[in-house]
């Protein structure tokens, strides 16, 4: 009985912490994304065909790509440098902002 209680308690704790970890602040992401606008456009729509549009992009995908640029498993010198100082929270916030755009 005690083991079942601990298992349920652990599962609930994990679920609660997962929800907190994924809560992102799109307003903070908008402020943090100012440096992205030079290539990806002020509203996430790039004027240059070779630079991807970020508006409406799924947040999970954007975070995955930013992490890949940061750890250099995806190599692109400009993006590697732009992602390097970003924290996980910064990435989640930026991704939430771009996902919120249409």
Protein backbone atom coordinates (compact mmCIF):
# COMPACT_ATOMS: atom_id res chain seq x y z
CA UNK A 1 0.00 0.00 0.00
CA UNK A 2 2.80 2.39 0.89
CA UNK A 3 4.56 1.69 -2.42
CA UNK A 4 1.39 2.43 -4.37
CA UNK A 5 0.93 5.68 -2.51
CA UNK A 6 4.54 6.69 -3.22
CA UNK A 7 4.17 5.75 -6.89
CA UNK A 8 1.02 7.84 -7.25
CA UNK A 9 2.61 10.74 -5.36
CA UNK A 10 5.69 10.56 -7.60
CA UNK A 11 3.57 10.49 -10.74
CA UNK A 12 1.54 13.50 -9.62
CA UNK A 13 4.68 15.42 -8.70
CA UNK A 14 6.23 14.66 -12.08
CA UNK A 15 3.06 15.70 -13.91
CA UNK A 16 2.86 18.96 -11.98
CA UNK A 17 6.50 19.80 -12.61
CA UNK A 18 6.14 18.99 -16.31
CA UNK A 19 3.30 21.52 -16.60
CA UNK A 20 5.42 24.18 -14.92
CA UNK A 21 8.39 23.39 -17.16
CA UNK A 22 6.32 23.91 -20.31
CA UNK A 23 4.55 27.08 -19.24
CA UNK A 24 6.01 29.77 -21.46
CA UNK A 25 5.58 33.53 -21.53
CA UNK A 26 4.88 34.77 -25.06
CA UNK A 27 5.21 38.42 -23.94
CA UNK A 28 8.71 37.73 -22.62
CA UNK A 29 9.42 35.86 -25.85
CA UNK A 30 8.37 38.87 -27.91
CA UNK A 31 10.82 41.07 -26.00
CA UNK A 32 13.59 38.48 -26.30
CA UNK A 33 12.97 37.96 -30.03
CA UNK A 34 13.93 41.51 -31.02
CA UNK A 35 17.29 40.28 -32.29
CA UNK A 36 15.54 37.64 -34.42
CA UNK A 37 13.62 40.28 -36.39
CA UNK A 38 16.62 41.28 -38.49
CA UNK A 39 16.46 38.01 -40.42
CA UNK A 40 13.06 36.53 -39.58
CA UNK A 41 10.98 39.74 -39.72
CA UNK A 42 9.35 41.78 -36.97
CA UNK A 43 6.23 39.59 -37.08
CA UNK A 44 8.04 36.34 -37.87
CA UNK A 45 7.64 36.65 -41.65
CA UNK A 46 10.98 36.92 -43.39
CA UNK A 47 11.50 39.19 -46.39
CA UNK A 48 14.39 36.96 -47.52
CA UNK A 49 13.32 33.65 -49.08
CA UNK A 50 16.28 31.73 -47.64
CA UNK A 51 15.40 32.71 -44.04
CA UNK A 52 12.50 30.71 -42.63
CA UNK A 53 9.26 32.26 -41.45
CA UNK A 54 8.73 31.67 -37.73
CA UNK A 55 5.18 32.97 -37.35
CA UNK A 56 2.81 30.14 -36.48
CA UNK A 57 5.60 27.60 -36.12
CA UNK A 58 4.91 24.97 -33.45
CA UNK A 59 6.72 25.87 -30.23
CA UNK A 60 8.13 22.37 -29.72
CA UNK A 61 9.78 22.47 -33.15
CA UNK A 62 11.24 25.94 -32.57
CA UNK A 63 12.67 24.91 -29.19
CA UNK A 64 14.15 21.75 -30.73
CA UNK A 65 15.86 23.77 -33.45
CA UNK A 66 17.16 26.43 -31.05
CA UNK A 67 18.63 23.72 -28.81
CA UNK A 68 20.27 22.09 -31.83
CA UNK A 69 21.81 25.43 -32.83
CA UNK A 70 22.97 26.04 -29.26
CA UNK A 71 24.67 22.63 -28.88
CA UNK A 72 25.92 22.91 -32.47
CA UNK A 73 24.40 19.62 -33.58
CA UNK A 74 22.84 21.85 -36.24
CA UNK A 75 25.51 24.01 -37.76
CA UNK A 76 24.83 27.48 -39.07
CA UNK A 77 27.29 30.08 -37.78
CA UNK A 78 24.84 32.96 -37.33
CA UNK A 79 22.20 30.84 -35.61
CA UNK A 80 24.80 29.03 -33.49
CA UNK A 81 25.92 32.41 -32.18
CA UNK A 82 22.37 33.70 -31.69
CA UNK A 83 21.25 30.60 -29.76
CA UNK A 84 24.38 30.29 -27.61
CA UNK A 85 23.32 32.73 -24.85
CA UNK A 86 19.69 31.55 -24.70
CA UNK A 87 18.46 29.67 -21.64
CA UNK A 88 15.84 26.95 -21.88
CA UNK A 89 13.31 29.47 -20.55
CA UNK A 90 14.32 32.00 -23.21
CA UNK A 91 13.87 29.38 -25.92
CA UNK A 92 10.45 28.35 -24.61
CA UNK A 93 9.32 31.97 -24.41
CA UNK A 94 10.55 32.83 -27.90
CA UNK A 95 8.91 29.71 -29.29
CA UNK A 96 5.62 30.55 -27.55
CA UNK A 97 5.72 34.03 -29.04
CA UNK A 98 6.27 32.83 -32.59
CA UNK A 99 3.65 30.10 -32.22
CA UNK A 100 1.13 32.77 -31.18
CA UNK A 101 1.61 34.69 -34.44
CA UNK A 102 -0.49 33.93 -37.49
